[in-house]
Amino acid sequence: MTYEIFVPFWGDPDQLYETVESVRAQTDPDWRLTIIDDCYPDDSVAAHFSEERDERIVYTRNEHNVGITENFRESVRRASGDFVTILGCDDLLHPNYVEVVRAAARAVPHADVIQPAVQVIDEDGAVVLPLVDRIKQRHLAPKGRGVTVFSGPDMATTLIRGNWLYWPSLSLRVETLRRIDFTDDLPVIQDLALLMDIAFDGGTLAYTPTLAFSYRRHLESASQKTLLDGSRFLDERRYYRIARRSAAERGWSRTARTARVRLMSRLHGIAALPLVLRHGTARGLRSSLAHVADLS
């Protein structure tokens, strides 16, 4: 079955074109790419794709701006296959991506989420490894040469300990996404909230250590700004309390305990303090300090 990839677009047109070329370069040619332009104010993007001759690439533009969560939902509504990737408009697939996630799906046919190995790149495409990614890849992600599988409480525990997944790189089961919706009121960490809901539903995560994706991390990204204004850690604390209650209701004591301690999340707060002190708001500083100290 044709593998489906969606790219919600609002950003740098040149980086979008690089993203599209990374899809075109797949060694497995059986894919379909849909770009959903969320009314980005640049007519050159539509003009660019009006010249596209590859029938596997479809460009569509929303009538009005709906935001990233609604574009995620629209991607799921449009999907017709078993799995989908909702790709960032500045990230890059490696040529083997479709092959790798398809192989993982064959190896773990009940998987709801497939994570390939990822490398991090900066604004200019150079490979980098910031502190947050060193922790993700060296201390949180599984080790070993084969596919690693987490289900139910094991999936929930590994993710609430520290979310080591990279959302735009994930291959997601469409049926699961139609059953478990995105959360509207947690915009900063809605990826973690969705993945935890999949785990609480008894879902399965498969990790393959084959490198197949480049994730672009920007110094001026939205996630960086939410650290400075305090909203990220505020949302995190609120969600960890929700996750703790959900785990306790299911009798998943290890998950509940991990959500209460939230060690990696608190360490993130400590690591962010110098940045927040230099560049953040007073609210951001209060939020960071509360994040480190709060055990509720």
C-alpha atoms as a PDB file:
ATOM      1  CA  MET A   1       0.000   0.000   0.000  1.00  0.00           C
ATOM      2  CA  THR A   2       1.217   3.510  -0.835  1.00  0.00           C
ATOM      3  CA  TYR A   3       2.905   5.169   2.150  1.00  0.00           C
ATOM      4  CA  GLU A   4       1.391   8.547   3.016  1.00  0.00           C
ATOM      5  CA  ILE A   5       3.303  11.627   4.185  1.00  0.00           C
ATOM      6  CA  PHE A   6       1.745  14.972   5.094  1.00  0.00           C
ATOM      7  CA  VAL A   7       3.538  18.289   5.561  1.00  0.00           C
ATOM      8  CA  PRO A   8       1.571  21.044   7.312  1.00  0.00           C
ATOM      9  CA  PHE A   9       3.313  24.190   6.081  1.00  0.00           C
ATOM     10  CA  TRP A  10       3.971  27.515   7.762  1.00  0.00           C
ATOM     11  CA  GLY A  11       7.603  28.522   7.600  1.00  0.00           C
ATOM     12  CA  ASP A  12      10.595  28.978   5.333  1.00  0.00           C
ATOM     13  CA  PRO A  13       9.674  28.106   1.708  1.00  0.00           C
ATOM     14  CA  ASP A  14      13.261  27.114   0.852  1.00  0.00           C
ATOM     15  CA  GLN A  15      13.377  24.645   3.728  1.00  0.00           C
ATOM     16  CA  LEU A  16       9.992  23.296   2.647  1.00  0.00           C
ATOM     17  CA  TYR A  17      11.392  22.634  -0.824  1.00  0.00           C
ATOM     18  CA  GLU A  18      14.329  20.772   0.763  1.00  0.00           C
ATOM     19  CA  THR A  19      11.854  18.693   2.762  1.00  0.00           C
ATOM     20  CA  VAL A  20       9.929  17.816  -0.394  1.00  0.00           C
ATOM     21  CA  GLU A  21      13.123  16.822  -2.206  1.00  0.00           C
ATOM     22  CA  SER A  22      14.032  14.517   0.686  1.00  0.00           C
ATOM     23  CA  VAL A  23      10.724  12.731   0.136  1.00  0.00           C
ATOM     24  CA  ARG A  24      11.284  12.566  -3.620  1.00  0.00           C
ATOM     25  CA  ALA A  25      14.665  10.898  -2.994  1.00  0.00           C
ATOM     26  CA  GLN A  26      13.151   7.828  -1.271  1.00  0.00           C
ATOM     27  CA  THR A  27      14.588   4.493  -2.388  1.00  0.00           C
ATOM     28  CA  ASP A  28      11.088   3.033  -2.028  1.00  0.00           C
ATOM     29  CA  PRO A  29       9.113   4.960  -4.668  1.00  0.00           C
ATOM     30  CA  ASP A  30       5.646   3.921  -3.432  1.00  0.00           C
ATOM     31  CA  TRP A  31       4.690   7.016  -1.448  1.00  0.00           C
ATOM     32  CA  ARG A  32       2.345   9.983  -1.665  1.00  0.00           C
ATOM     33  CA  LEU A  33       3.100  13.446  -0.255  1.00  0.00           C
ATOM     34  CA  THR A  34       0.467  16.073   0.557  1.00  0.00           C
ATOM     35  CA  ILE A  35       1.511  19.612   1.501  1.00  0.00           C
ATOM     36  CA  ILE A  36      -1.113  21.522   3.506  1.00  0.00           C
ATOM     37  CA  ASP A  37      -0.344  25.238   3.250  1.00  0.00           C
ATOM     38  CA  ASP A  38      -1.921  26.982   6.247  1.00  0.00           C
ATOM     39  CA  CYS A  39      -2.268  30.314   4.405  1.00  0.00           C
ATOM     40  CA  TYR A  40       1.414  31.209   4.611  1.00  0.00           C
ATOM     41  CA  PRO A  41       1.660  34.786   3.210  1.00  0.00           C
ATOM     42  CA  ASP A  42       3.880  34.048   0.222  1.00  0.00           C
ATOM     43  CA  ASP A  43       2.320  33.456  -3.202  1.00  0.00           C
ATOM     44  CA  SER A  44       5.561  31.963  -4.505  1.00  0.00           C
ATOM     45  CA  VAL A  45       4.853  28.683  -2.679  1.00  0.00           C
ATOM     46  CA  ALA A  46       1.651  28.011  -4.617  1.00  0.00           C
ATOM     47  CA  ALA A  47       3.401  29.094  -7.816  1.00  0.00           C
ATOM     48  CA  HIS A  48       6.262  26.706  -7.125  1.00  0.00           C
ATOM     49  CA  PHE A  49       3.993  23.701  -6.748  1.00  0.00           C
ATOM     50  CA  SER A  50       1.856  24.675  -9.731  1.00  0.00           C
ATOM     51  CA  GLU A  51       4.882  23.594 -11.796  1.00  0.00           C
ATOM     52  CA  GLU A  52       5.148  20.218 -10.013  1.00  0.00           C
ATOM     53  CA  ARG A  53       4.942  17.280 -12.430  1.00  0.00           C
ATOM     54  CA  ASP A  54       5.317  14.416  -9.957  1.00  0.00           C
ATOM     55  CA  GLU A  55       1.795  13.062  -9.482  1.00  0.00           C
ATOM     56  CA  ARG A  56       2.767  11.689  -6.077  1.00  0.00           C
ATOM     57  CA  ILE A  57       3.124  15.255  -4.743  1.00  0.00           C
ATOM     58  CA  VAL A  58      -0.085  17.177  -3.990  1.00  0.00           C
ATOM     59  CA  TYR A  59      -0.231  20.798  -2.826  1.00  0.00           C
ATOM     60  CA  THR A  60      -3.327  22.207  -1.128  1.00  0.00           C
ATOM     61  CA  ARG A  61      -3.940  25.533   0.612  1.00  0.00           C
ATOM     62  CA  ASN A  62      -6.392  26.136   3.450  1.00  0.00           C
ATOM     63  CA  GLU A  63      -9.050  28.796   2.941  1.00  0.00           C
ATOM     64  CA  HIS A  64      -7.972  30.379   6.230  1.00  0.00           C
ATOM     65  CA  ASN A  65      -5.307  29.764   8.858  1.00  0.00           C
ATOM     66  CA  VAL A  66      -6.382  26.980  11.237  1.00  0.00           C
ATOM     67  CA  GLY A  67      -3.212  26.305  13.224  1.00  0.00           C
ATOM     68  CA  ILE A  68      -0.975  23.300  13.614  1.00  0.00           C
ATOM     69  CA  THR A  69      -3.333  21.037  15.589  1.00  0.00           C
ATOM     70  CA  GLU A  70      -6.138  21.335  13.032  1.00  0.00           C
ATOM     71  CA  ASN A  71      -3.637  20.630  10.253  1.00  0.00           C
ATOM     72  CA  PHE A  72      -2.585  17.479  12.119  1.00  0.00           C
ATOM     73  CA  ARG A  73      -6.239  16.482  12.256  1.00  0.00           C
ATOM     74  CA  GLU A  74      -6.703  17.277   8.570  1.00  0.00           C
ATOM     75  CA  SER A  75      -3.729  15.048   7.759  1.00  0.00           C
ATOM     76  CA  VAL A  76      -5.394  12.172   9.597  1.00  0.00           C
ATOM     77  CA  ARG A  77      -8.730  12.829   7.887  1.00  0.00           C
ATOM     78  CA  ARG A  78      -7.096  12.724   4.455  1.00  0.00           C
ATOM     79  CA  ALA A  79      -5.031   9.593   5.130  1.00  0.00           C
ATOM     80  CA  SER A  80      -6.218   6.409   3.448  1.00  0.00           C
ATOM     81  CA  GLY A  81      -3.438   3.950   4.308  1.00  0.00           C
ATOM     82  CA  ASP A  82      -2.436   2.083   7.452  1.00  0.00           C
ATOM     83  CA  PHE A  83       0.370   4.425   8.552  1.00  0.00           C
ATOM     84  CA  VAL A  84       1.116   8.106   8.146  1.00  0.00           C
ATOM     85  CA  THR A  85       4.000  10.477   8.828  1.00  0.00           C
ATOM     86  CA  ILE A  86       3.149  14.109   9.649  1.00  0.00           C
ATOM     87  CA  LEU A  87       6.451  15.627   8.645  1.00  0.00           C
ATOM     88  CA  GLY A  88       7.795  18.987   9.780  1.00  0.00           C
ATOM     89  CA  CYS A  89       8.124  21.510   6.948  1.00  0.00           C
ATOM     90  CA  ASP A  90      11.842  21.931   7.681  1.00  0.00           C
ATOM     91  CA  ASP A  91      12.856  18.367   8.568  1.00  0.00           C
ATOM     92  CA  LEU A  92      14.449  15.858   6.208  1.00  0.00           C
ATOM     93  CA  LEU A  93      13.757  12.223   5.452  1.00  0.00           C
ATOM     94  CA  HIS A  94      16.801  10.135   4.671  1.00  0.00           C
ATOM     95  CA  PRO A  95      16.451   8.149   1.440  1.00  0.00           C
ATOM     96  CA  ASN A  96      15.764   4.952   3.402  1.00  0.00           C
ATOM     97  CA  TYR A  97      12.968   6.350   5.598  1.00  0.00           C
ATOM     98  CA  VAL A  98       9.982   4.648   3.945  1.00  0.00           C
ATOM     99  CA  GLU A  99      11.896   1.375   3.712  1.00  0.00           C
ATOM    100  CA  VAL A 100      12.877   1.534   7.375  1.00  0.00           C
ATOM    101  CA  VAL A 101       9.416   2.241   8.800  1.00  0.00           C
ATOM    102  CA  ARG A 102       7.825  -0.358   6.533  1.00  0.00           C
ATOM    103  CA  ALA A 103      10.346  -2.961   7.715  1.00  0.00           C
ATOM    104  CA  ALA A 104       9.592  -2.064  11.336  1.00  0.00           C
ATOM    105  CA  ALA A 105       5.846  -2.390  10.680  1.00  0.00           C
ATOM    106  CA  ARG A 106       6.411  -5.874   9.263  1.00  0.00           C
ATOM    107  CA  ALA A 107       8.558  -6.823  12.261  1.00  0.00           C
ATOM    108  CA  VAL A 108       5.983  -5.471  14.748  1.00  0.00           C
ATOM    109  CA  PRO A 109       2.629  -5.733  12.946  1.00  0.00           C
ATOM    110  CA  HIS A 110       0.653  -4.517  15.986  1.00  0.00           C
ATOM    111  CA  ALA A 111       2.735  -1.320  16.384  1.00  0.00           C
ATOM    112  CA  ASP A 112       0.826   1.956  16.714  1.00  0.00           C
ATOM    113  CA  VAL A 113       3.940   4.168  16.711  1.00  0.00           C
ATOM    114  CA  ILE A 114       7.255   3.564  14.924  1.00  0.00           C
ATOM    115  CA  GLN A 115      10.346   5.630  15.758  1.00  0.00           C
ATOM    116  CA  PRO A 116      13.467   5.347  13.570  1.00  0.00           C
ATOM    117  CA  ALA A 117      16.838   6.648  14.730  1.00  0.00           C
ATOM    118  CA  VAL A 118      17.213  10.405  14.278  1.00  0.00           C
ATOM    119  CA  GLN A 119      20.060  12.853  13.866  1.00  0.00           C
ATOM    120  CA  VAL A 120      19.674  16.522  14.783  1.00  0.00           C
ATOM    121  CA  ILE A 121      20.608  19.355  12.428  1.00  0.00           C
ATOM    122  CA  ASP A 122      20.739  23.121  12.905  1.00  0.00           C
ATOM    123  CA  GLU A 123      19.259  25.937  10.798  1.00  0.00           C
ATOM    124  CA  ASP A 124      21.993  25.457   8.187  1.00  0.00           C
ATOM    125  CA  GLY A 125      21.743  21.664   8.004  1.00  0.00           C
ATOM    126  CA  ALA A 126      24.877  20.894  10.041  1.00  0.00           C
ATOM    127  CA  VAL A 127      24.653  17.872  12.339  1.00  0.00           C
ATOM    128  CA  VAL A 128      24.572  18.978  15.998  1.00  0.00           C
ATOM    129  CA  LEU A 129      23.860  17.356  19.351  1.00  0.00           C
ATOM    130  CA  PRO A 130      22.584  19.855  21.937  1.00  0.00           C
ATOM    131  CA  LEU A 131      22.273  18.822  25.580  1.00  0.00           C
ATOM    132  CA  VAL A 132      18.593  17.903  25.318  1.00  0.00           C
ATOM    133  CA  ASP A 133      19.332  15.567  22.414  1.00  0.00           C
ATOM    134  CA  ARG A 134      22.397  14.038  24.066  1.00  0.00           C
ATOM    135  CA  ILE A 135      20.155  13.072  26.978  1.00  0.00           C
ATOM    136  CA  LYS A 136      17.426  11.782  24.666  1.00  0.00           C
ATOM    137  CA  GLN A 137      19.713   9.684  22.514  1.00  0.00           C
ATOM    138  CA  ARG A 138      22.349   8.526  25.003  1.00  0.00           C
ATOM    139  CA  HIS A 139      20.317   8.052  28.173  1.00  0.00           C
ATOM    140  CA  LEU A 140      16.625   7.678  27.318  1.00  0.00           C
ATOM    141  CA  ALA A 141      16.393   5.964  23.926  1.00  0.00           C
ATOM    142  CA  PRO A 142      16.804   2.164  23.836  1.00  0.00           C
ATOM    143  CA  LYS A 143      20.180   0.593  23.156  1.00  0.00           C
ATOM    144  CA  GLY A 144      20.749  -2.441  20.985  1.00  0.00           C
ATOM    145  CA  ARG A 145      20.815  -3.421  17.343  1.00  0.00           C
ATOM    146  CA  GLY A 146      17.329  -4.807  16.899  1.00  0.00           C
ATOM    147  CA  VAL A 147      13.823  -3.383  17.109  1.00  0.00           C
ATOM    148  CA  THR A 148      12.758  -2.553  20.680  1.00  0.00           C
ATOM    149  CA  VAL A 149       9.087  -2.799  21.599  1.00  0.00           C
ATOM    150  CA  PHE A 150       7.170  -1.048  24.405  1.00  0.00           C
ATOM    151  CA  SER A 151       3.471  -1.603  25.107  1.00  0.00           C
ATOM    152  CA  GLY A 152       0.951  -0.231  27.589  1.00  0.00           C
ATOM    153  CA  PRO A 153       2.571   0.573  30.959  1.00  0.00           C
ATOM    154  CA  ASP A 154       6.109   0.075  29.640  1.00  0.00           C
ATOM    155  CA  MET A 155       5.440   2.569  26.838  1.00  0.00           C
ATOM    156  CA  ALA A 156       3.857   5.038  29.256  1.00  0.00           C
ATOM    157  CA  THR A 157       6.716   4.768  31.731  1.00  0.00           C
ATOM    158  CA  THR A 158       9.521   5.216  29.216  1.00  0.00           C
ATOM    159  CA  LEU A 159       7.823   8.312  27.751  1.00  0.00           C
ATOM    160  CA  ILE A 160       6.854   9.981  31.038  1.00  0.00           C
ATOM    161  CA  ARG A 161      10.401   9.444  32.306  1.00  0.00           C
ATOM    162  CA  GLY A 162      11.566  11.632  29.424  1.00  0.00           C
ATOM    163  CA  ASN A 163      10.032  11.995  25.957  1.00  0.00           C
ATOM    164  CA  TRP A 164      12.855  10.730  23.739  1.00  0.00           C
ATOM    165  CA  LEU A 165      10.739  10.543  20.591  1.00  0.00           C
ATOM    166  CA  TYR A 166      10.840  13.051  17.709  1.00  0.00           C
ATOM    167  CA  TRP A 167       7.266  13.751  16.642  1.00  0.00           C
ATOM    168  CA  PRO A 168       7.848  14.652  12.946  1.00  0.00           C
ATOM    169  CA  SER A 169       9.844  11.450  12.409  1.00  0.00           C
ATOM    170  CA  LEU A 170       7.165   9.084  13.727  1.00  0.00           C
ATOM    171  CA  SER A 171       5.202   6.674  11.613  1.00  0.00           C
ATOM    172  CA  LEU A 172       1.724   6.477  13.168  1.00  0.00           C
ATOM    173  CA  ARG A 173      -1.116   4.032  12.690  1.00  0.00           C
ATOM    174  CA  VAL A 174      -4.011   5.925  11.116  1.00  0.00           C
ATOM    175  CA  GLU A 175      -6.708   3.843  12.812  1.00  0.00           C
ATOM    176  CA  THR A 176      -5.206   4.706  16.211  1.00  0.00           C
ATOM    177  CA  LEU A 177      -5.061   8.440  15.415  1.00  0.00           C
ATOM    178  CA  ARG A 178      -8.715   8.386  14.397  1.00  0.00           C
ATOM    179  CA  ARG A 179      -9.653   6.762  17.693  1.00  0.00           C
ATOM    180  CA  ILE A 180      -7.400   8.902  19.921  1.00  0.00           C
ATOM    181  CA  ASP A 181      -7.554  12.608  19.129  1.00  0.00           C
ATOM    182  CA  PHE A 182      -5.067  15.401  19.733  1.00  0.00           C
ATOM    183  CA  THR A 183      -5.456  17.496  22.893  1.00  0.00           C
ATOM    184  CA  ASP A 184      -6.367  21.142  22.307  1.00  0.00           C
ATOM    185  CA  ASP A 185      -5.349  22.729  25.612  1.00  0.00           C
ATOM    186  CA  LEU A 186      -1.750  21.455  25.781  1.00  0.00           C
ATOM    187  CA  PRO A 187      -0.223  23.030  22.664  1.00  0.00           C
ATOM    188  CA  VAL A 188       3.375  22.914  23.890  1.00  0.00           C
ATOM    189  CA  ILE A 189       3.426  19.190  24.693  1.00  0.00           C
ATOM    190  CA  GLN A 190       0.491  17.849  22.688  1.00  0.00           C
ATOM    191  CA  ASP A 191       2.763  15.222  21.108  1.00  0.00           C
ATOM    192  CA  LEU A 192       3.570  13.715  24.527  1.00  0.00           C
ATOM    193  CA  ALA A 193      -0.092  13.895  25.557  1.00  0.00           C
ATOM    194  CA  LEU A 194      -1.188  12.021  22.416  1.00  0.00           C
ATOM    195  CA  LEU A 195       1.525   9.380  22.758  1.00  0.00           C
ATOM    196  CA  MET A 196       0.675   8.826  26.421  1.00  0.00           C
ATOM    197  CA  ASP A 197      -3.014   8.472  25.500  1.00  0.00           C
ATOM    198  CA  ILE A 198      -1.997   5.788  22.990  1.00  0.00           C
ATOM    199  CA  ALA A 199      -0.036   4.028  25.748  1.00  0.00           C
ATOM    200  CA  PHE A 200      -2.956   4.304  28.197  1.00  0.00           C
ATOM    201  CA  ASP A 201      -5.135   2.733  25.494  1.00  0.00           C
ATOM    202  CA  GLY A 202      -2.794  -0.293  25.463  1.00  0.00           C
ATOM    203  CA  GLY A 203      -0.872   0.814  22.378  1.00  0.00           C
ATOM    204  CA  THR A 204       2.558  -0.273  21.185  1.00  0.00           C
ATOM    205  CA  LEU A 205       5.710   1.678  20.323  1.00  0.00           C
ATOM    206  CA  ALA A 206       8.443   0.139  18.144  1.00  0.00           C
ATOM    207  CA  TYR A 207      11.908   1.690  17.985  1.00  0.00           C
ATOM    208  CA  THR A 208      14.299   0.768  15.196  1.00  0.00           C
ATOM    209  CA  PRO A 209      17.939   1.898  15.575  1.00  0.00           C
ATOM    210  CA  THR A 210      18.393   2.461  11.830  1.00  0.00           C
ATOM    211  CA  LEU A 211      19.129   6.121  11.098  1.00  0.00           C
ATOM    212  CA  ALA A 212      16.483   7.484   8.725  1.00  0.00           C
ATOM    213  CA  PHE A 213      15.635  11.075   9.685  1.00  0.00           C
ATOM    214  CA  SER A 214      17.130  14.536  10.271  1.00  0.00           C
ATOM    215  CA  TYR A 215      15.306  16.692  12.804  1.00  0.00           C
ATOM    216  CA  ARG A 216      15.948  20.416  12.534  1.00  0.00           C
ATOM    217  CA  ARG A 217      16.348  22.202  15.868  1.00  0.00           C
ATOM    218  CA  HIS A 218      16.145  25.991  15.755  1.00  0.00           C
ATOM    219  CA  LEU A 219      17.614  28.306  18.360  1.00  0.00           C
ATOM    220  CA  GLU A 220      14.571  30.560  17.921  1.00  0.00           C
ATOM    221  CA  SER A 221      12.000  27.766  17.840  1.00  0.00           C
ATOM    222  CA  ALA A 222       8.568  28.020  19.427  1.00  0.00           C
ATOM    223  CA  SER A 223       9.576  25.462  22.069  1.00  0.00           C
ATOM    224  CA  GLN A 224      12.575  27.616  23.006  1.00  0.00           C
ATOM    225  CA  LYS A 225      10.347  30.667  23.418  1.00  0.00           C
ATOM    226  CA  THR A 226       7.949  28.762  25.670  1.00  0.00           C
ATOM    227  CA  LEU A 227      10.854  28.052  28.005  1.00  0.00           C
ATOM    228  CA  LEU A 228      11.567  31.767  28.299  1.00  0.00           C
ATOM    229  CA  ASP A 229       7.986  32.840  28.990  1.00  0.00           C
ATOM    230  CA  GLY A 230       7.262  29.960  31.384  1.00  0.00           C
ATOM    231  CA  SER A 231       4.424  28.331  29.458  1.00  0.00           C
ATOM    232  CA  ARG A 232       6.286  25.105  28.673  1.00  0.00           C
ATOM    233  CA  PHE A 233       6.998  24.121  32.253  1.00  0.00           C
ATOM    234  CA  LEU A 234       3.527  25.235  33.341  1.00  0.00           C
ATOM    235  CA  ASP A 235       1.978  22.871  30.775  1.00  0.00           C
ATOM    236  CA  GLU A 236       4.418  20.106  31.690  1.00  0.00           C
ATOM    237  CA  ARG A 237       3.562  20.231  35.407  1.00  0.00           C
ATOM    238  CA  ARG A 238      -0.132  20.229  34.618  1.00  0.00           C
ATOM    239  CA  TYR A 239       0.206  17.293  32.239  1.00  0.00           C
ATOM    240  CA  TYR A 240       2.378  15.246  34.596  1.00  0.00           C
ATOM    241  CA  ARG A 241      -0.378  15.498  37.210  1.00  0.00           C
ATOM    242  CA  ILE A 242      -2.905  14.304  34.622  1.00  0.00           C
ATOM    243  CA  ALA A 243      -0.634  11.392  33.616  1.00  0.00           C
ATOM    244  CA  ARG A 244      -0.053  10.460  37.254  1.00  0.00           C
ATOM    245  CA  ARG A 245      -3.817  10.233  37.888  1.00  0.00           C
ATOM    246  CA  SER A 246      -4.423   8.255  34.699  1.00  0.00           C
ATOM    247  CA  ALA A 247      -1.679   5.775  35.591  1.00  0.00           C
ATOM    248  CA  ALA A 248      -2.931   5.386  39.171  1.00  0.00           C
ATOM    249  CA  GLU A 249      -6.468   4.693  37.923  1.00  0.00           C
ATOM    250  CA  ARG A 250      -5.078   1.805  35.872  1.00  0.00           C
ATOM    251  CA  GLY A 251      -2.926   0.459  38.679  1.00  0.00           C
ATOM    252  CA  TRP A 252       0.269   1.330  36.775  1.00  0.00           C
ATOM    253  CA  SER A 253       2.231   2.190  39.904  1.00  0.00           C
ATOM    254  CA  ARG A 254       5.630   2.502  38.203  1.00  0.00           C
ATOM    255  CA  THR A 255       4.252   4.965  35.661  1.00  0.00           C
ATOM    256  CA  ALA A 256       2.494   6.954  38.383  1.00  0.00           C
ATOM    257  CA  ARG A 257       5.653   7.087  40.506  1.00  0.00           C
ATOM    258  CA  THR A 258       7.761   8.177  37.526  1.00  0.00           C
ATOM    259  CA  ALA A 259       5.229  10.918  36.706  1.00  0.00           C
ATOM    260  CA  ARG A 260       5.343  12.147  40.304  1.00  0.00           C
ATOM    261  CA  VAL A 261       9.146  12.282  40.525  1.00  0.00           C
ATOM    262  CA  ARG A 262       9.541  13.522  36.882  1.00  0.00           C
ATOM    263  CA  LEU A 263      13.299  13.500  37.312  1.00  0.00           C
ATOM    264  CA  MET A 264      14.300  14.249  33.708  1.00  0.00           C
ATOM    265  CA  SER A 265      11.727  17.016  33.444  1.00  0.00           C
ATOM    266  CA  ARG A 266      13.055  18.649  36.612  1.00  0.00           C
ATOM    267  CA  LEU A 267      16.637  18.312  35.385  1.00  0.00           C
ATOM    268  CA  HIS A 268      15.522  20.054  32.198  1.00  0.00           C
ATOM    269  CA  GLY A 269      14.262  22.875  34.397  1.00  0.00           C
ATOM    270  CA  ILE A 270      17.642  23.127  36.126  1.00  0.00           C
ATOM    271  CA  ALA A 271      19.508  23.093  32.789  1.00  0.00           C
ATOM    272  CA  ALA A 272      17.224  25.835  31.424  1.00  0.00           C
ATOM    273  CA  LEU A 273      17.721  28.197  34.376  1.00  0.00           C
ATOM    274  CA  PRO A 274      20.826  30.024  33.008  1.00  0.00           C
ATOM    275  CA  LEU A 275      19.070  30.670  29.698  1.00  0.00           C
ATOM    276  CA  VAL A 276      15.898  31.874  31.425  1.00  0.00           C
ATOM    277  CA  LEU A 277      17.905  34.108  33.752  1.00  0.00           C
ATOM    278  CA  ARG A 278      19.631  35.766  30.780  1.00  0.00           C
ATOM    279  CA  HIS A 279      16.786  36.013  28.298  1.00  0.00           C
ATOM    280  CA  GLY A 280      13.520  35.043  29.963  1.00  0.00           C
ATOM    281  CA  THR A 281      10.683  36.936  31.577  1.00  0.00           C
ATOM    282  CA  ALA A 282       9.996  37.187  35.304  1.00  0.00           C
ATOM    283  CA  ARG A 283       7.105  34.788  34.762  1.00  0.00           C
ATOM    284  CA  GLY A 284       9.433  32.413  32.970  1.00  0.00           C
ATOM    285  CA  LEU A 285      11.882  32.449  35.860  1.00  0.00           C
ATOM    286  CA  ARG A 286       9.142  31.802  38.417  1.00  0.00           C
ATOM    287  CA  SER A 287       7.827  28.928  36.303  1.00  0.00           C
ATOM    288  CA  SER A 288      11.297  27.357  35.956  1.00  0.00           C
ATOM    289  CA  LEU A 289      11.965  27.575  39.704  1.00  0.00           C
ATOM    290  CA  ALA A 290       8.545  26.097  40.488  1.00  0.00           C
ATOM    291  CA  HIS A 291       9.188  23.319  38.005  1.00  0.00           C
ATOM    292  CA  VAL A 292      12.380  22.326  39.753  1.00  0.00           C
ATOM    293  CA  ALA A 293      10.938  22.485  43.274  1.00  0.00           C
ATOM    294  CA  ASP A 294       7.310  21.363  42.879  1.00  0.00           C
ATOM    295  CA  LEU A 295       6.585  17.776  43.925  1.00  0.00           C
ATOM    296  CA  SER A 296       2.802  17.975  43.768  1.00  0.00           C
END
